[in-house]
């Protein structure tokens, strides 16, 4: 990030090589990149970007050297930093507000307009043309910046939706499988669990699908709150979820985490849960055995069998493969 003001400095120097010479006055676009970085990143970065252009302008000399440094280097830095819109700064996804930016840039141009007319013999028409040219330049930078940021945001959004379930914002099954297979390929010991919302069809039929969707989102949040940082979990489909407990060498560890989650769901007050059996929304969980060289599909099959057992033995329980 600190290299950016140096790049801006060199850009400002570059546009000073071919200026419009009016007597001893040099008219160029050096202030545009300085204003832009000061507006976008603030006074610290803006100040750094002024050093090299100021030194170079001083080196060029002339009777208007001090006016040139102040009007086209110091002034755009000060105005840009003063109007910095911190709410827009979100690298690399910064989307700038065109009205706010133009308000700031036009403030700079109005001040510069009167200063040039009062301190030099440059004609009114020449100053107007310079200002319009600078406004066009800053607008070009603005549109390029926002276009790149929007493309990056769109790409980020596509990547997110390719990995996540749109209903619950948990990982989808495809991304879950990819992650877990990588873990297993690295010989990380895992335990797979399958979880299902008890009597979910009855809840949907009673309260409607929007209420059922809200239950799934709440359970997804409880899952986020209950699992460890290293665990991987996803929506399997419908009202089913799948969990991968990682770095598990003792089944009881996975059972304890699953039981904690089951209890968190049982204790949560869901809308309309009084119409459910036992007047609660609950979940059943089945855990397969330790990985021990098994494939992911084998572990999922074991967990699914344990989930079926949990459903058969009364629901709202955690069942596991005790023979592992």
Protein backbone atom coordinates (compact mmCIF):
# COMPACT_ATOMS: atom_id res chain seq x y z
CA UNK A 1 0.00 0.00 0.00
CA UNK A 2 2.83 2.40 0.81
CA UNK A 3 4.19 1.93 -2.71
CA UNK A 4 1.02 3.46 -4.18
CA UNK A 5 1.83 7.10 -3.32
CA UNK A 6 5.27 6.63 -4.91
CA UNK A 7 3.59 5.40 -8.09
CA UNK A 8 1.25 8.41 -7.97
CA UNK A 9 4.26 10.70 -7.51
CA UNK A 10 5.91 9.27 -10.62
CA UNK A 11 2.63 9.61 -12.54
CA UNK A 12 2.40 13.28 -11.56
CA UNK A 13 5.99 13.84 -12.68
CA UNK A 14 5.23 12.04 -15.94
CA UNK A 15 2.38 14.39 -16.86
CA UNK A 16 4.65 17.37 -16.06
CA UNK A 17 7.03 16.42 -18.89
CA UNK A 18 4.70 17.65 -21.63
CA UNK A 19 2.85 20.66 -20.17
CA UNK A 20 1.01 23.48 -21.85
CA UNK A 21 3.44 26.42 -21.56
CA UNK A 22 1.79 29.82 -21.21
CA UNK A 23 4.57 32.35 -20.76
CA UNK A 24 6.42 30.99 -17.74
CA UNK A 25 3.35 29.17 -16.42
CA UNK A 26 3.24 25.37 -16.80
CA UNK A 27 -0.28 23.99 -17.13
CA UNK A 28 -0.65 20.21 -16.75
CA UNK A 29 -2.62 17.49 -14.93
CA UNK A 30 -0.18 16.84 -12.08
CA UNK A 31 -2.83 17.66 -9.46
CA UNK A 32 -5.31 15.00 -10.61
CA UNK A 33 -3.53 11.85 -9.31
CA UNK A 34 -2.50 13.70 -6.12
CA UNK A 35 -6.10 14.73 -5.46
CA UNK A 36 -7.30 11.22 -6.22
CA UNK A 37 -5.02 9.38 -3.81
CA UNK A 38 -5.60 11.98 -1.08
CA UNK A 39 -9.37 11.64 -1.53
CA UNK A 40 -9.26 7.86 -1.59
CA UNK A 41 -6.60 7.04 1.03
CA UNK A 42 -6.33 10.16 3.20
CA UNK A 43 -3.72 12.72 4.13
CA UNK A 44 -0.83 10.38 5.02
CA UNK A 45 -0.66 8.76 1.61
CA UNK A 46 -1.52 12.03 -0.10
CA UNK A 47 1.32 13.86 1.65
CA UNK A 48 3.85 11.24 0.55
CA UNK A 49 2.66 11.60 -3.05
CA UNK A 50 3.42 15.35 -3.03
CA UNK A 51 7.15 15.17 -2.23
CA UNK A 52 8.63 14.08 -5.56
CA UNK A 53 6.38 16.27 -7.77
CA UNK A 54 7.12 19.30 -5.57
CA UNK A 55 10.87 18.67 -5.78
CA UNK A 56 10.67 18.17 -9.53
CA UNK A 57 8.64 21.36 -10.04
CA UNK A 58 11.13 23.28 -7.91
CA UNK A 59 13.96 21.84 -10.02
CA UNK A 60 12.28 23.09 -13.21
CA UNK A 61 12.39 26.63 -11.81
CA UNK A 62 10.74 29.70 -13.29
CA UNK A 63 9.04 32.75 -11.82
CA UNK A 64 5.83 30.81 -11.07
CA UNK A 65 7.48 27.87 -9.30
CA UNK A 66 5.92 28.59 -5.89
CA UNK A 67 2.48 29.20 -7.37
CA UNK A 68 2.80 25.96 -9.34
CA UNK A 69 3.74 23.93 -6.27
CA UNK A 70 0.93 25.40 -4.17
CA UNK A 71 -1.86 25.47 -6.75
CA UNK A 72 -1.24 22.15 -8.51
CA UNK A 73 0.36 20.01 -5.76
CA UNK A 74 -0.37 21.28 -2.24
CA UNK A 75 -3.93 22.45 -2.94
CA UNK A 76 -5.26 19.20 -4.53
CA UNK A 77 -3.63 17.24 -1.69
CA UNK A 78 -5.29 19.40 0.98
CA UNK A 79 -8.75 19.44 -0.64
CA UNK A 80 -8.69 15.71 -1.41
CA UNK A 81 -7.65 14.79 2.14
CA UNK A 82 -10.23 17.16 3.66
CA UNK A 83 -13.07 15.59 1.67
CA UNK A 84 -11.88 12.00 2.09
CA UNK A 85 -14.90 9.69 2.19
CA UNK A 86 -13.83 6.92 4.56
CA UNK A 87 -17.10 5.04 4.08
CA UNK A 88 -16.15 4.34 0.45
CA UNK A 89 -12.72 2.97 1.31
CA UNK A 90 -12.83 -0.81 1.17
CA UNK A 91 -9.80 -2.03 -0.80
CA UNK A 92 -9.84 -3.61 -3.29
CA UNK A 93 -13.62 -3.09 -3.50
CA UNK A 94 -13.85 0.70 -3.06
CA UNK A 95 -16.92 2.10 -4.84
CA UNK A 96 -16.69 5.89 -4.96
CA UNK A 97 -19.63 8.29 -4.74
CA UNK A 98 -19.43 10.42 -7.88
CA UNK A 99 -21.39 13.34 -6.43
CA UNK A 100 -19.24 13.57 -3.32
CA UNK A 101 -16.02 13.25 -5.30
CA UNK A 102 -17.05 15.89 -7.86
CA UNK A 103 -18.09 18.23 -5.06
CA UNK A 104 -14.59 17.94 -3.62
CA UNK A 105 -12.84 18.23 -6.98
CA UNK A 106 -14.93 21.22 -8.05
CA UNK A 107 -14.10 22.93 -4.76
CA UNK A 108 -10.43 22.51 -5.66
CA UNK A 109 -11.04 23.80 -9.18
CA UNK A 110 -12.94 26.91 -8.06
CA UNK A 111 -10.15 27.90 -5.66
CA UNK A 112 -7.50 27.18 -8.27
CA UNK A 113 -9.44 29.08 -10.94
CA UNK A 114 -9.35 32.35 -8.98
CA UNK A 115 -5.75 31.83 -7.86
CA UNK A 116 -4.53 31.32 -11.44
CA UNK A 117 -6.38 34.39 -12.69
CA UNK A 118 -5.04 36.55 -9.85
CA UNK A 119 -1.41 35.36 -9.84
CA UNK A 120 -0.73 34.78 -13.55
CA UNK A 121 -1.53 36.34 -16.92
CA UNK A 122 -3.17 33.15 -18.25
CA UNK A 123 -6.36 33.90 -20.20
CA UNK A 124 -9.81 33.08 -18.89
CA UNK A 125 -10.52 30.66 -21.75
CA UNK A 126 -7.24 28.78 -21.16
CA UNK A 127 -8.04 28.30 -17.47
CA UNK A 128 -11.56 27.06 -18.28
CA UNK A 129 -10.18 24.56 -20.80
CA UNK A 130 -7.62 23.32 -18.25
CA UNK A 131 -10.32 22.86 -15.60
CA UNK A 132 -12.61 20.96 -18.00
CA UNK A 133 -9.69 18.76 -19.05
CA UNK A 134 -8.86 17.97 -15.40
CA UNK A 135 -12.52 17.19 -14.62
CA UNK A 136 -12.58 14.81 -17.60
CA UNK A 137 -9.36 13.18 -16.36
CA UNK A 138 -10.62 12.65 -12.81
CA UNK A 139 -13.91 11.27 -14.14
CA UNK A 140 -12.00 8.76 -16.29
CA UNK A 141 -10.06 7.60 -13.23
CA UNK A 142 -13.30 7.47 -11.23
CA UNK A 143 -15.12 5.29 -13.77
CA UNK A 144 -12.13 2.97 -14.19
CA UNK A 145 -11.81 2.61 -10.40
CA UNK A 146 -15.49 1.81 -9.92
CA UNK A 147 -15.59 -0.51 -12.93
CA UNK A 148 -12.66 -2.57 -11.61
CA UNK A 149 -14.14 -2.60 -8.08
CA UNK A 150 -17.55 -3.76 -9.34
CA UNK A 151 -15.95 -6.56 -11.36
CA UNK A 152 -13.97 -7.69 -8.30
CA UNK A 153 -17.12 -7.56 -6.15
CA UNK A 154 -19.07 -9.54 -8.75
CA UNK A 155 -16.32 -12.15 -8.90
CA UNK A 156 -16.24 -12.34 -5.10
CA UNK A 157 -20.02 -12.79 -5.03
CA UNK A 158 -19.87 -15.56 -7.63
CA UNK A 159 -17.15 -17.34 -5.65
CA UNK A 160 -19.21 -17.03 -2.46
CA UNK A 161 -22.36 -18.46 -4.06
CA UNK A 162 -20.37 -21.29 -5.63
CA UNK A 163 -19.34 -22.38 -2.12
CA UNK A 164 -22.37 -21.55 0.00
CA UNK A 165 -25.98 -22.60 0.34
CA UNK A 166 -28.25 -19.64 -0.48
CA UNK A 167 -30.78 -20.48 2.25
CA UNK A 168 -28.53 -20.91 5.28
CA UNK A 169 -25.23 -19.33 4.12
CA UNK A 170 -23.46 -22.49 5.24
CA UNK A 171 -21.11 -24.30 2.87
CA UNK A 172 -22.85 -26.30 0.16
CA UNK A 173 -22.27 -30.03 -0.15
CA UNK A 174 -19.84 -29.75 -3.07
CA UNK A 175 -17.51 -27.39 -1.21
CA UNK A 176 -17.87 -29.49 1.95
CA UNK A 177 -16.75 -32.61 0.11
CA UNK A 178 -13.79 -30.79 -1.46
CA UNK A 179 -12.59 -29.51 1.92
CA UNK A 180 -13.07 -32.77 3.78
CA UNK A 181 -11.39 -34.85 1.08
CA UNK A 182 -8.36 -32.51 1.30
CA UNK A 183 -8.25 -33.05 5.07
CA UNK A 184 -8.52 -36.80 4.70
CA UNK A 185 -5.87 -36.74 1.98
CA UNK A 186 -3.57 -35.10 4.54
CA UNK A 187 -4.33 -37.93 7.01
CA UNK A 188 -6.26 -35.67 9.39
CA UNK A 189 -8.50 -37.91 11.57
CA UNK A 190 -12.15 -36.98 11.14
CA UNK A 191 -15.63 -38.06 12.22
CA UNK A 192 -18.65 -37.43 10.00
CA UNK A 193 -22.06 -36.65 11.48
CA UNK A 194 -25.47 -36.39 9.81
CA UNK A 195 -28.14 -34.22 11.41
CA UNK A 196 -31.85 -33.92 10.64
CA UNK A 197 -34.59 -31.62 11.98
CA UNK A 198 -37.24 -33.74 13.71
CA UNK A 199 -40.81 -33.60 12.35
CA UNK A 200 -39.85 -30.80 9.99
CA UNK A 201 -42.60 -31.63 7.49
CA UNK A 202 -45.20 -31.24 10.25
CA UNK A 203 -43.74 -27.83 11.14
CA UNK A 204 -43.80 -26.74 7.49
CA UNK A 205 -47.37 -27.94 7.00
CA UNK A 206 -48.51 -26.12 10.15
CA UNK A 207 -46.68 -22.81 9.84
CA UNK A 208 -45.77 -22.57 6.16
CA UNK A 209 -42.52 -22.71 4.25
CA UNK A 210 -41.29 -19.19 5.18
CA UNK A 211 -41.41 -20.17 8.86
CA UNK A 212 -39.68 -23.44 8.02
CA UNK A 213 -36.95 -21.56 6.17
CA UNK A 214 -36.47 -19.35 9.24
CA UNK A 215 -36.00 -22.49 11.37
CA UNK A 216 -33.31 -23.78 9.00
CA UNK A 217 -31.48 -20.44 9.11
CA UNK A 218 -31.63 -20.38 12.92
CA UNK A 219 -30.32 -23.94 13.16
CA UNK A 220 -27.50 -23.00 10.79
CA UNK A 221 -26.58 -20.13 13.11
CA UNK A 222 -26.72 -22.42 16.16
CA UNK A 223 -24.46 -24.80 14.26
CA UNK A 224 -22.01 -21.97 13.67
CA UNK A 225 -22.09 -21.07 17.36
CA UNK A 226 -21.71 -24.65 18.61
CA UNK A 227 -18.94 -26.04 16.43
CA UNK A 228 -15.21 -25.55 16.83
CA UNK A 229 -13.24 -23.35 14.46
CA UNK A 230 -11.61 -26.35 12.78
CA UNK A 231 -14.86 -28.24 12.14
CA UNK A 232 -16.48 -28.18 8.68
CA UNK A 233 -20.25 -28.28 8.22
CA UNK A 234 -22.76 -27.76 5.44
CA UNK A 235 -26.36 -28.10 4.44
CA UNK A 236 -26.78 -31.57 3.02
CA UNK A 237 -30.20 -30.96 1.50
CA UNK A 238 -33.74 -30.23 2.70
CA UNK A 239 -33.67 -30.26 6.50
CA UNK A 240 -30.48 -32.33 6.68
CA UNK A 241 -27.03 -31.05 7.61
CA UNK A 242 -23.62 -32.71 7.56
CA UNK A 243 -20.72 -32.11 9.95
CA UNK A 244 -17.06 -33.06 9.82
CA UNK A 245 -15.34 -33.05 13.22
CA UNK A 246 -11.62 -32.72 12.49
CA UNK A 247 -8.57 -33.84 14.46
CA UNK A 248 -10.68 -36.37 16.36
CA UNK A 249 -8.85 -39.32 17.89
CA UNK A 250 -11.47 -40.08 20.53
CA UNK A 251 -15.13 -40.61 19.58
CA UNK A 252 -16.31 -39.14 22.87
CA UNK A 253 -14.96 -35.73 21.85
CA UNK A 254 -17.17 -35.67 18.74
CA UNK A 255 -20.14 -37.02 20.72
CA UNK A 256 -19.78 -34.25 23.31
CA UNK A 257 -19.73 -31.52 20.64
CA UNK A 258 -22.75 -33.04 18.88
CA UNK A 259 -24.62 -33.31 22.19
CA UNK A 260 -23.87 -29.67 22.98
CA UNK A 261 -25.34 -28.63 19.65
CA UNK A 262 -28.42 -30.85 20.12
CA UNK A 263 -29.03 -29.24 23.53
CA UNK A 264 -28.61 -25.73 22.10
CA UNK A 265 -31.33 -26.46 19.53
CA UNK A 266 -33.61 -27.99 22.16
CA UNK A 267 -33.23 -24.95 24.44
CA UNK A 268 -33.85 -22.40 21.69
CA UNK A 269 -37.34 -20.89 21.56
CA UNK A 270 -38.54 -21.29 17.96
CA UNK A 271 -41.67 -19.64 16.62
CA UNK A 272 -44.66 -21.99 16.80
CA UNK A 273 -42.72 -24.86 18.36
CA UNK A 274 -45.61 -25.60 20.74
CA UNK A 275 -47.35 -27.39 17.84
CA UNK A 276 -44.47 -29.88 17.56
CA UNK A 277 -44.26 -33.20 19.46
CA UNK A 278 -42.90 -32.46 22.95
CA UNK A 279 -43.67 -28.79 22.10
CA UNK A 280 -40.11 -28.25 20.88
CA UNK A 281 -38.14 -28.08 17.64
CA UNK A 282 -35.40 -30.68 18.00
CA UNK A 283 -32.74 -32.44 15.93
CA UNK A 284 -31.47 -35.99 15.67
CA UNK A 285 -27.77 -36.63 15.04
CA UNK A 286 -25.92 -39.71 13.86
CA UNK A 287 -22.12 -40.05 14.02
CA UNK A 288 -20.12 -42.51 11.96
CA UNK A 289 -16.88 -44.00 13.21
CA UNK A 290 -13.33 -42.69 13.11
CA UNK A 291 -11.97 -42.28 9.59
CA UNK A 292 -9.14 -44.87 9.87
CA UNK A 293 -8.51 -45.13 6.13
CA UNK A 294 -12.19 -45.15 5.11
CA UNK A 295 -13.47 -43.09 2.20
CA UNK A 296 -15.71 -40.08 2.72
CA UNK A 297 -18.65 -41.91 1.16
CA UNK A 298 -18.19 -44.78 3.62
CA UNK A 299 -18.13 -42.34 6.55
CA UNK A 300 -21.28 -40.60 5.29
CA UNK A 301 -23.01 -43.97 4.94
CA UNK A 302 -22.07 -44.89 8.54
CA UNK A 303 -23.33 -41.54 9.83
CA UNK A 304 -26.57 -41.91 7.86
CA UNK A 305 -27.15 -45.32 9.44
CA UNK A 306 -26.65 -43.83 12.90
CA UNK A 307 -29.05 -41.00 12.03
CA UNK A 308 -31.66 -43.58 11.02
CA UNK A 309 -31.10 -45.29 14.36
CA UNK A 310 -31.56 -41.96 16.19
CA UNK A 311 -34.88 -41.48 14.38
CA UNK A 312 -36.03 -45.00 15.25
CA UNK A 313 -35.14 -44.65 18.94
CA UNK A 314 -37.27 -41.60 19.61
CA UNK A 315 -35.52 -38.59 18.00
CA UNK A 316 -33.83 -35.66 19.75
CA UNK A 317 -30.82 -37.86 20.50
CA UNK A 318 -27.22 -38.37 19.40
CA UNK A 319 -26.35 -41.87 18.20
CA UNK A 320 -22.84 -43.02 17.30
CA UNK A 321 -20.99 -46.08 16.15
CA UNK A 322 -19.73 -47.38 19.48
CA UNK A 323 -17.80 -50.19 17.78
CA UNK A 324 -15.29 -47.68 16.30
